[in-house]
Amino acid sequence: MANVIVIGAQWGDEGKGKITDLLSRSADVVARYQGGVNAGHTVVVQGQTFKLHLIPSGILYPNTECIIGSGTVIDPQVLIGEIDQLEELGISTKNLHISQTAHVTMPYHRLIDQASEDKRGKHKIGTTKRGIGPTYADKSERVGIRVIDLIDPDGLKQQLKWAVEYKNEIIHKLYNLPPLDPQEVIERYLAYADRLRPYVVDSSLKINEAARQRKNILFEGAQGTLLDLDHGTYPYVTSSNPIAGGACVGAGVGPTLIDRVIGVAKAYTTRVGEGPFPTELTDGIGKELGDRGAEFGTTTGRRRRCGWFDAVIGRYAVRINGLDCLAITKLDVLDELEEIKVCVGYEIDGEPCHHLPSSSRQFAKCQPVYKTVPGWQQSTADCRKLEDLPKQALDYLKFLAELMEVPIAIVSLGASRDQTIIVEDPIHGPKRALLDAQGLPV
C-alpha cells in the first residue's frame, strides 16, 4: 500500500496524464488537488484519445474512485461537458466525486481574466483566459462561491445577485465591457447545480476514510513545479500550488499520509506562455522537437516552446517537491537526433550559477551551460524493457538521473498506454533505488 503524489517537474505538459493513468491501475482512489480547466491531460488508450481538464485520469478504470479536491476551481459547464463526453464514450462517471468546498468559476471570472490579460499588452503573462486566476483571487478575497453554495438554491440566488452586480462594476467601468445579466447567470448556474449535486461529497473525509482502510491513493496535480504560485518562475506562473506540498492542502490530508512523490519530466523541456526559458531552441531543432512531440497545448492549442533538458530546474523540482523517483516521458522524440545537449548549469554575466534564481529578471539573464551527448538515431517506440533501448538512450537516462540525483521508475516512449517501460510501480513496488542493474544511482 502506498499513497503517491504525481507532480510535473518542469513547466507543465510533461505527460502527467499518461503517468497518472498508468499508476491508476494500482490505485483505489485518484484525487486531483489543484488547478482548473487551464490544465489538460491527454490519455491514449487502444487508439482512443481522451482529453481531460478537470476529471482525474483514473476515471478510465471502472473500479477507481476519482475525487476533485477542494484545492481545484471548477467550471461547471466544462465539467458537465466532460461527464457527458465520457458517458457517450461508454466510460462511467459513477465513481466521480466533487469536493463541496472547491470554488466555482463564474462567467465574470472569465471576462475579467480575458480583459485583464489583453490590457497587460507586452507585459502579458500567457494565461489561458479561462478565469482561473480571478477565481482563486476571489477565494483569497473571501468572496468566492463554493460548490456547497452552488447546490444551495436559495443561498446561491442571494450570493449571485450581489456578486454579479459587484463584478459588473469592474467589468463595465474598468474594462468597458457590457455587464452580465444577474438573472441569466443565476438560472444557468442553478441548472448546473442540478446536474452536479449527485457528485458532491466531503472530499477530505472521503480521502481520509480511504486511507484508514489502507487503500492506495494517487494524488494528481496540474501544471508543473515551475508554474507554482509560491515557488515557480513568478510572475509567469499559475494561481495555485502544483508542487507536492499543495497536495496536502488541496486534498485535505496531513503530510504523514504521503509515502512517495514521483516527478514527471520530459526528456527535453517545453514551456507554454510567456517568461524566461534558458534552453529554448528557436532554430530547426526546436521546431523538430515540437513537430515530433506534437507540442500543442491540450487546453489552448497553443504551440509549446521547446528546448533542451534543463537539469537546473530539474534539481530545483527535486528539492521543492522531495522527489524520490522520476518518470521520463517522450524519450522517443529524441530518436532522430545525432547529438543531444543537456543544460548542466547557468552563467549570469559570465559568472557560474548552479541554482534557479528567484528573480525573473535574473532568470532572464541566465545562459545555459551545456554538455553534449551522442544520440542513438534509431527508434525506441517499440522498446518495452530497458535492455531493448539503444546503449546511447540508456546512457542518456543514466546521465539525467545522475544530474537530478533521483532514480528513474518509468520511461515513456509514446502517447499510448502500452508504449512504456515500467521499471518499478511506485505504488506497489518497494521504495528502493531504481535501474541499479544499469548502473544508475543507488
Protein backbone atom coordinates (compact mmCIF):
# COMPACT_ATOMS: atom_id res chain seq x y z
CA MET A 1 0.00 0.00 0.00
CA ALA A 2 1.29 3.47 -0.84
CA ASN A 3 -0.11 6.97 -1.14
CA VAL A 4 1.68 8.69 -4.01
CA ILE A 5 1.79 12.25 -5.35
CA VAL A 6 2.40 12.75 -9.08
CA ILE A 7 3.78 16.18 -9.97
CA GLY A 8 5.18 17.91 -13.02
CA ALA A 9 8.91 18.59 -12.64
CA GLN A 10 9.10 21.29 -15.33
CA TRP A 11 6.64 23.93 -16.65
CA GLY A 12 3.73 21.53 -17.03
CA ASP A 13 2.75 19.46 -20.08
CA GLU A 14 5.21 16.76 -19.04
CA GLY A 15 2.83 13.87 -19.64
CA LYS A 16 1.34 13.62 -16.14
CA GLY A 17 -1.97 12.46 -17.60
CA LYS A 18 -0.43 9.33 -19.08
CA ILE A 19 1.64 8.58 -15.96
CA THR A 20 -1.38 9.08 -13.70
CA ASP A 21 -3.41 6.82 -15.98
CA LEU A 22 -0.71 4.13 -15.78
CA LEU A 23 -0.46 4.33 -11.99
CA SER A 24 -4.23 4.43 -11.60
CA ARG A 25 -4.41 0.74 -12.41
CA SER A 26 -2.80 0.16 -9.00
CA ALA A 27 -4.77 2.92 -7.23
CA ASP A 28 -8.09 2.67 -5.45
CA VAL A 29 -8.54 6.44 -5.32
CA VAL A 30 -7.23 9.24 -7.57
CA ALA A 31 -7.55 12.75 -6.15
CA ARG A 32 -7.00 15.93 -8.18
CA TYR A 33 -5.78 18.60 -5.77
CA GLN A 34 -5.38 21.95 -7.60
CA GLY A 35 -5.81 23.89 -10.82
CA GLY A 36 -8.83 24.18 -13.03
CA VAL A 37 -9.75 23.97 -16.69
CA ASN A 38 -6.44 25.66 -17.51
CA ALA A 39 -4.99 22.14 -17.18
CA GLY A 40 -5.23 19.47 -19.83
CA HIS A 41 -4.40 15.79 -19.60
CA THR A 42 -4.32 13.70 -22.75
CA VAL A 43 -4.52 9.91 -22.41
CA VAL A 44 -4.43 7.49 -25.34
CA VAL A 45 -5.91 4.03 -24.74
CA GLN A 46 -6.16 1.45 -27.54
CA GLY A 47 -6.01 4.19 -30.14
CA GLN A 48 -8.73 6.29 -28.49
CA THR A 49 -7.73 9.75 -27.22
CA PHE A 50 -9.26 11.20 -24.06
CA LYS A 51 -8.69 14.88 -23.26
CA LEU A 52 -9.50 15.69 -19.65
CA HIS A 53 -9.37 19.07 -17.93
CA LEU A 54 -10.97 18.53 -14.52
CA ILE A 55 -11.79 14.85 -14.15
CA PRO A 56 -8.84 12.76 -12.89
CA SER A 57 -7.26 10.40 -15.43
CA GLY A 58 -8.19 7.44 -13.22
CA ILE A 59 -11.78 7.69 -14.46
CA LEU A 60 -10.81 5.34 -17.30
CA TYR A 61 -10.59 2.48 -14.76
CA PRO A 62 -14.10 1.31 -13.75
CA ASN A 63 -13.24 0.49 -10.12
CA THR A 64 -11.18 3.58 -9.32
CA GLU A 65 -12.77 6.36 -7.30
CA CYS A 66 -11.96 9.81 -8.68
CA ILE A 67 -12.13 12.88 -6.47
CA ILE A 68 -11.88 16.53 -7.47
CA GLY A 69 -10.48 18.08 -4.31
CA SER A 70 -11.12 21.39 -2.60
CA GLY A 71 -7.94 22.95 -3.98
CA THR A 72 -9.31 22.87 -7.52
CA VAL A 73 -11.52 25.50 -9.10
CA ILE A 74 -14.43 24.10 -11.08
CA ASP A 75 -16.05 25.46 -14.21
CA PRO A 76 -19.44 23.65 -14.11
CA GLN A 77 -20.07 23.99 -17.83
CA VAL A 78 -16.76 22.35 -18.73
CA LEU A 79 -17.12 19.65 -16.07
CA ILE A 80 -20.60 18.70 -17.24
CA GLY A 81 -19.29 18.58 -20.82
CA GLU A 82 -16.54 16.18 -19.74
CA ILE A 83 -19.02 13.98 -17.88
CA ASP A 84 -21.31 13.83 -20.93
CA GLN A 85 -18.43 13.10 -23.29
CA LEU A 86 -17.15 10.23 -21.15
CA GLU A 87 -20.62 8.73 -20.77
CA GLU A 88 -21.14 8.92 -24.55
CA LEU A 89 -17.87 7.00 -24.99
CA GLY A 90 -19.07 4.32 -22.60
CA ILE A 91 -16.95 5.48 -19.64
CA SER A 92 -18.98 5.50 -16.43
CA THR A 93 -18.69 8.50 -14.08
CA LYS A 94 -20.48 6.83 -11.17
CA ASN A 95 -17.21 6.86 -9.19
CA LEU A 96 -16.63 10.60 -9.68
CA HIS A 97 -16.84 12.82 -6.59
CA ILE A 98 -16.60 16.62 -6.31
CA SER A 99 -15.46 18.45 -3.19
CA GLN A 100 -18.16 20.55 -1.60
CA THR A 101 -15.54 23.17 -0.71
CA ALA A 102 -13.99 23.58 -4.17
CA HIS A 103 -14.52 27.05 -5.63
CA VAL A 104 -16.59 27.69 -8.73
CA THR A 105 -15.52 29.64 -11.81
CA MET A 106 -18.19 32.12 -12.86
CA PRO A 107 -18.77 34.00 -16.15
CA TYR A 108 -17.37 37.20 -14.67
CA HIS A 109 -14.12 35.40 -13.82
CA ARG A 110 -13.58 34.52 -17.47
CA LEU A 111 -14.44 38.03 -18.67
CA ILE A 112 -12.08 39.66 -16.18
CA ASP A 113 -9.30 37.18 -16.98
CA GLN A 114 -9.56 37.85 -20.72
CA ALA A 115 -9.82 41.62 -20.35
CA SER A 116 -7.01 41.83 -17.80
CA GLU A 117 -4.62 39.80 -19.94
CA ASP A 118 -5.41 41.89 -23.01
CA LYS A 119 -4.86 45.08 -21.02
CA ARG A 120 -1.36 43.96 -19.97
CA GLY A 121 -0.15 44.28 -23.56
CA LYS A 122 3.57 43.43 -23.77
CA HIS A 123 3.53 42.55 -20.05
CA LYS A 124 1.04 39.71 -20.51
CA ILE A 125 1.59 36.52 -18.51
CA GLY A 126 0.26 33.99 -21.02
CA THR A 127 -2.84 32.98 -19.11
CA THR A 128 -5.28 30.56 -20.75
CA LYS A 129 -8.01 33.19 -20.18
CA ARG A 130 -10.25 30.54 -18.58
CA GLY A 131 -10.93 32.58 -15.43
CA ILE A 132 -8.65 30.59 -13.14
CA GLY A 133 -6.67 33.48 -11.63
CA PRO A 134 -9.76 35.58 -10.83
CA THR A 135 -11.46 32.52 -9.27
CA TYR A 136 -8.52 31.96 -6.95
CA ALA A 137 -8.36 35.71 -6.28
CA ASP A 138 -12.00 35.68 -5.10
CA LYS A 139 -11.18 32.66 -2.94
CA SER A 140 -8.39 34.65 -1.24
CA GLU A 141 -10.59 37.74 -1.01
CA ARG A 142 -13.26 35.55 0.65
CA VAL A 143 -15.98 36.46 -1.82
CA GLY A 144 -15.87 33.22 -3.80
CA ILE A 145 -18.69 30.80 -4.44
CA ARG A 146 -18.03 27.18 -3.47
CA VAL A 147 -19.69 24.01 -4.70
CA ILE A 148 -21.62 23.77 -1.42
CA ASP A 149 -23.05 27.22 -2.21
CA LEU A 150 -23.77 26.20 -5.79
CA ILE A 151 -26.07 23.36 -4.69
CA ASP A 152 -27.99 25.56 -2.21
CA PRO A 153 -30.60 27.27 -4.46
CA ASP A 154 -31.75 29.98 -2.06
CA GLY A 155 -28.26 30.82 -0.88
CA LEU A 156 -26.91 30.81 -4.44
CA LYS A 157 -29.56 33.29 -5.61
CA GLN A 158 -28.62 35.68 -2.82
CA GLN A 159 -24.88 35.33 -3.35
CA LEU A 160 -25.01 35.64 -7.12
CA LYS A 161 -27.28 38.66 -7.15
CA TRP A 162 -24.74 40.57 -5.09
CA ALA A 163 -21.67 39.07 -6.76
CA VAL A 164 -22.76 39.75 -10.35
CA GLU A 165 -23.70 43.34 -9.54
CA TYR A 166 -20.34 43.82 -7.79
CA LYS A 167 -18.35 42.34 -10.68
CA ASN A 168 -20.38 44.28 -13.25
CA GLU A 169 -18.91 47.46 -11.78
CA ILE A 170 -15.41 46.16 -12.61
CA ILE A 171 -16.40 44.72 -15.98
CA HIS A 172 -18.09 47.91 -17.15
CA LYS A 173 -16.08 50.70 -15.52
CA LEU A 174 -12.59 49.23 -15.71
CA TYR A 175 -12.78 47.25 -18.94
CA ASN A 176 -15.70 48.98 -20.73
CA LEU A 177 -17.47 45.67 -21.38
CA PRO A 178 -21.24 45.02 -21.36
CA PRO A 179 -22.48 43.98 -17.90
CA LEU A 180 -23.77 40.48 -17.19
CA ASP A 181 -27.45 39.80 -16.57
CA PRO A 182 -27.67 38.56 -12.94
CA GLN A 183 -30.88 36.60 -13.54
CA GLU A 184 -29.47 34.79 -16.56
CA VAL A 185 -26.36 33.80 -14.59
CA ILE A 186 -28.47 32.60 -11.64
CA GLU A 187 -30.72 30.45 -13.83
CA ARG A 188 -27.79 28.94 -15.70
CA TYR A 189 -25.89 28.03 -12.54
CA LEU A 190 -28.98 26.61 -10.84
CA ALA A 191 -29.25 24.24 -13.81
CA TYR A 192 -25.58 23.31 -13.44
CA ALA A 193 -26.19 22.63 -9.75
CA ASP A 194 -28.96 20.16 -10.55
CA ARG A 195 -26.57 18.17 -12.76
CA LEU A 196 -23.66 18.16 -10.33
CA ARG A 197 -25.45 17.71 -6.99
CA PRO A 198 -25.26 13.86 -7.01
CA TYR A 199 -21.46 14.01 -7.27
CA VAL A 200 -20.84 16.36 -4.32
CA VAL A 201 -19.10 14.97 -1.20
CA ASP A 202 -16.91 15.95 1.73
CA SER A 203 -13.73 15.12 -0.17
CA SER A 204 -11.31 15.37 2.76
CA LEU A 205 -13.44 12.94 4.77
CA LYS A 206 -13.69 10.55 1.82
CA ILE A 207 -9.93 10.55 1.17
CA ASN A 208 -9.05 10.08 4.83
CA GLU A 209 -11.55 7.24 5.17
CA ALA A 210 -9.88 5.54 2.19
CA ALA A 211 -6.52 5.97 3.89
CA ARG A 212 -7.83 4.37 7.10
CA GLN A 213 -8.98 1.42 5.01
CA ARG A 214 -5.38 1.19 3.69
CA LYS A 215 -6.41 1.87 0.12
CA ASN A 216 -3.89 3.08 -2.45
CA ILE A 217 -4.36 6.80 -3.10
CA LEU A 218 -2.87 8.70 -6.01
CA PHE A 219 -2.74 12.50 -5.76
CA GLU A 220 -2.80 14.16 -9.17
CA GLY A 221 -1.63 17.71 -9.75
CA ALA A 222 -1.99 20.00 -12.73
CA GLN A 223 0.60 22.26 -14.38
CA GLY A 224 4.17 21.89 -13.07
CA THR A 225 6.67 22.91 -10.40
CA LEU A 226 7.96 25.97 -12.28
CA LEU A 227 4.39 27.29 -12.52
CA ASP A 228 3.81 27.13 -8.75
CA LEU A 229 2.45 30.39 -7.33
CA ASP A 230 4.97 30.47 -4.48
CA HIS A 231 7.93 28.55 -5.89
CA GLY A 232 7.67 28.95 -9.65
CA THR A 233 9.13 31.49 -12.08
CA TYR A 234 6.94 34.31 -10.73
CA PRO A 235 5.10 36.23 -12.16
CA TYR A 236 4.87 33.78 -15.09
CA VAL A 237 3.07 31.18 -13.00
CA THR A 238 -0.36 29.74 -12.33
CA SER A 239 -2.60 30.78 -9.43
CA SER A 240 -2.28 27.67 -7.26
CA ASN A 241 0.32 25.25 -5.88
CA PRO A 242 1.10 22.32 -8.21
CA ILE A 243 4.04 21.22 -6.02
CA ALA A 244 3.82 18.20 -3.74
CA GLY A 245 3.04 20.33 -0.68
CA GLY A 246 -0.07 21.58 -2.46
CA ALA A 247 -1.49 18.06 -2.45
CA CYS A 248 -1.99 18.09 1.33
CA VAL A 249 -3.75 21.45 1.28
CA GLY A 250 -5.78 20.81 -1.87
CA ALA A 251 -6.89 17.31 -0.88
CA GLY A 252 -7.34 17.96 2.84
CA VAL A 253 -4.84 15.43 4.21
CA GLY A 254 -1.88 15.59 6.56
CA PRO A 255 1.71 15.21 5.27
CA THR A 256 2.20 11.98 7.26
CA LEU A 257 -0.27 10.34 4.87
CA ILE A 258 2.12 10.65 1.92
CA ASP A 259 4.51 7.80 1.18
CA ARG A 260 6.11 8.78 -2.13
CA VAL A 261 6.40 11.62 -4.62
CA ILE A 262 7.08 10.91 -8.30
CA GLY A 263 8.11 13.71 -10.63
CA VAL A 264 7.30 13.65 -14.33
CA ALA A 265 9.76 15.28 -16.74
CA LYS A 266 10.13 15.23 -20.49
CA ALA A 267 13.42 14.08 -21.99
CA TYR A 268 13.65 17.69 -23.19
CA THR A 269 11.89 20.83 -21.92
CA THR A 270 8.81 22.75 -23.04
CA ARG A 271 7.00 25.82 -21.89
CA VAL A 272 3.68 27.46 -22.82
CA GLY A 273 3.06 31.15 -22.36
CA GLU A 274 5.43 33.96 -21.50
CA GLY A 275 8.53 34.08 -19.32
CA PRO A 276 12.26 33.25 -19.46
CA PHE A 277 13.30 29.88 -20.86
CA PRO A 278 17.11 29.46 -20.84
CA THR A 279 17.32 26.33 -23.01
CA GLU A 280 14.70 27.39 -25.57
CA LEU A 281 15.52 26.44 -29.16
CA THR A 282 14.26 28.82 -31.81
CA ASP A 283 16.01 27.01 -34.64
CA GLY A 284 15.15 23.96 -36.71
CA ILE A 285 15.83 21.56 -33.83
CA GLY A 286 13.25 23.35 -31.68
CA LYS A 287 10.70 23.03 -34.48
CA GLU A 288 11.62 19.37 -34.95
CA LEU A 289 11.05 18.65 -31.26
CA GLY A 290 7.71 20.45 -31.41
CA ASP A 291 6.58 18.59 -34.50
CA ARG A 292 7.75 15.14 -33.39
CA GLY A 293 6.41 15.66 -29.87
CA ALA A 294 3.06 17.12 -31.04
CA GLU A 295 3.72 20.04 -28.74
CA PHE A 296 0.39 21.81 -28.74
CA GLY A 297 -1.49 22.68 -25.55
CA THR A 298 -4.42 20.39 -24.69
CA THR A 299 -6.41 23.34 -23.35
CA THR A 300 -5.45 26.21 -25.66
CA GLY A 301 -3.97 24.56 -28.74
CA ARG A 302 -1.02 26.94 -28.48
CA ARG A 303 2.31 25.68 -29.81
CA ARG A 304 4.69 24.95 -26.95
CA ARG A 305 8.15 26.43 -26.83
CA CYS A 306 10.76 23.66 -26.94
CA GLY A 307 14.32 23.40 -25.62
CA TRP A 308 16.97 21.04 -24.30
CA PHE A 309 16.62 19.28 -20.96
CA ASP A 310 17.40 21.67 -18.10
CA ALA A 311 18.96 19.94 -15.09
CA VAL A 312 18.99 23.16 -13.05
CA ILE A 313 15.21 23.35 -12.94
CA GLY A 314 15.19 19.56 -12.59
CA ARG A 315 17.27 19.66 -9.40
CA TYR A 316 15.11 22.51 -8.15
CA ALA A 317 11.99 20.37 -8.69
CA VAL A 318 13.61 17.51 -6.76
CA ARG A 319 14.30 19.83 -3.82
CA ILE A 320 10.97 21.66 -3.74
CA ASN A 321 8.89 18.50 -4.05
CA GLY A 322 11.03 15.97 -2.19
CA LEU A 323 11.00 13.70 -5.25
CA ASP A 324 12.12 10.14 -4.70
CA CYS A 325 11.72 8.87 -8.26
CA LEU A 326 11.16 10.11 -11.80
CA ALA A 327 9.11 9.32 -14.86
CA ILE A 328 10.87 10.45 -18.04
CA THR A 329 8.48 10.95 -20.96
CA LYS A 330 8.82 11.43 -24.73
CA LEU A 331 12.26 9.86 -24.95
CA ASP A 332 11.27 8.75 -28.45
CA VAL A 333 11.07 12.38 -29.63
CA LEU A 334 14.88 12.49 -29.48
CA ASP A 335 15.30 9.32 -31.58
CA GLU A 336 16.49 11.00 -34.77
CA LEU A 337 18.99 13.46 -33.30
CA GLU A 338 22.70 12.93 -33.96
CA GLU A 339 23.64 14.68 -30.72
CA ILE A 340 21.72 15.95 -27.71
CA LYS A 341 22.52 18.80 -25.35
CA VAL A 342 21.73 18.91 -21.64
CA CYS A 343 21.90 22.09 -19.57
CA VAL A 344 24.05 21.31 -16.52
CA GLY A 345 24.26 24.87 -15.15
CA TYR A 346 23.85 28.57 -15.94
CA GLU A 347 26.04 31.61 -16.30
CA ILE A 348 24.88 35.11 -15.40
CA ASP A 349 27.11 37.91 -16.70
CA GLY A 350 29.90 35.38 -17.10
CA GLU A 351 29.63 34.07 -13.54
CA PRO A 352 28.54 30.46 -12.82
CA CYS A 353 25.04 29.94 -11.38
CA HIS A 354 24.12 26.48 -10.15
CA HIS A 355 20.69 27.21 -8.67
CA LEU A 356 17.45 28.65 -10.02
CA PRO A 357 17.33 32.45 -9.41
CA SER A 358 14.22 33.71 -7.61
CA SER A 359 14.22 36.97 -9.57
CA SER A 360 12.61 36.75 -13.01
CA ARG A 361 14.99 39.49 -14.20
CA GLN A 362 17.99 37.45 -13.08
CA PHE A 363 16.49 34.29 -14.56
CA ALA A 364 16.10 36.06 -17.90
CA LYS A 365 19.87 36.69 -17.88
CA CYS A 366 20.73 33.01 -17.42
CA GLN A 367 22.79 31.50 -20.22
CA PRO A 368 22.79 27.70 -20.30
CA VAL A 369 25.99 25.70 -19.88
CA TYR A 370 25.64 22.57 -21.97
CA LYS A 371 27.10 19.12 -22.05
CA THR A 372 26.68 17.37 -25.39
CA VAL A 373 25.99 13.63 -25.51
CA PRO A 374 25.61 11.33 -28.54
CA GLY A 375 22.16 10.50 -29.88
CA TRP A 376 21.06 6.98 -30.82
CA GLN A 377 19.40 7.65 -34.19
CA GLN A 378 17.09 4.66 -34.06
CA SER A 379 13.50 4.18 -32.96
CA THR A 380 12.72 3.47 -29.32
CA ALA A 381 8.93 3.45 -29.81
CA ASP A 382 8.69 -0.35 -29.59
CA CYS A 383 11.02 -0.81 -26.61
CA ARG A 384 9.28 -2.39 -23.63
CA LYS A 385 12.26 -3.31 -21.44
CA LEU A 386 15.40 -1.42 -20.50
CA GLU A 387 17.54 -3.91 -22.38
CA ASP A 388 15.58 -3.06 -25.56
CA LEU A 389 16.88 0.51 -25.50
CA PRO A 390 19.92 1.53 -27.56
CA LYS A 391 23.01 1.96 -25.39
CA GLN A 392 23.15 5.72 -26.02
CA ALA A 393 19.50 6.10 -24.94
CA LEU A 394 20.19 4.20 -21.74
CA ASP A 395 23.31 6.30 -21.15
CA TYR A 396 21.19 9.44 -21.63
CA LEU A 397 18.71 8.29 -18.98
CA LYS A 398 21.59 7.45 -16.65
CA PHE A 399 23.03 10.93 -17.16
CA LEU A 400 19.70 12.61 -16.36
CA ALA A 401 19.29 10.51 -13.22
CA GLU A 402 22.80 11.39 -12.08
CA LEU A 403 22.21 15.11 -12.66
CA MET A 404 18.87 15.06 -10.87
CA GLU A 405 20.20 12.75 -8.12
CA VAL A 406 16.94 10.80 -8.29
CA PRO A 407 16.41 7.35 -9.85
CA ILE A 408 14.06 6.70 -12.76
CA ALA A 409 10.99 4.49 -12.27
CA ILE A 410 9.17 4.91 -15.59
CA VAL A 411 10.21 5.69 -19.16
CA SER A 412 7.53 6.72 -21.67
CA LEU A 413 8.17 6.20 -25.38
CA GLY A 414 4.94 7.41 -26.97
CA ALA A 415 1.41 8.56 -26.26
CA SER A 416 -0.21 5.13 -25.90
CA ARG A 417 -0.56 3.43 -22.55
CA ASP A 418 1.47 0.44 -23.72
CA GLN A 419 4.42 2.50 -25.00
CA THR A 420 6.06 2.46 -21.62
CA ILE A 421 8.89 0.84 -19.70
CA ILE A 422 7.87 0.42 -16.07
CA VAL A 423 10.98 -0.30 -14.03
CA GLU A 424 9.03 -0.09 -10.80
CA ASP A 425 5.43 0.69 -9.96
CA PRO A 426 5.78 3.49 -7.36
CA ILE A 427 2.55 2.36 -5.70
CA HIS A 428 3.20 -1.37 -5.33
CA GLY A 429 6.96 -1.55 -5.76
CA PRO A 430 9.41 -1.31 -2.85
CA LYS A 431 10.91 2.08 -2.13
CA ARG A 432 14.45 1.45 -3.34
CA ALA A 433 16.98 2.56 -5.92
CA LEU A 434 15.79 2.03 -9.49
CA LEU A 435 17.62 0.99 -12.62
CA ASP A 436 20.57 -0.02 -10.42
CA ALA A 437 21.26 -3.00 -12.71
CA GLN A 438 22.05 -0.45 -15.41
CA GLY A 439 24.41 1.48 -13.20
CA LEU A 440 22.05 4.31 -12.36
CA PRO A 441 22.26 5.99 -8.93
CA VAL A 442 21.83 3.77 -5.91
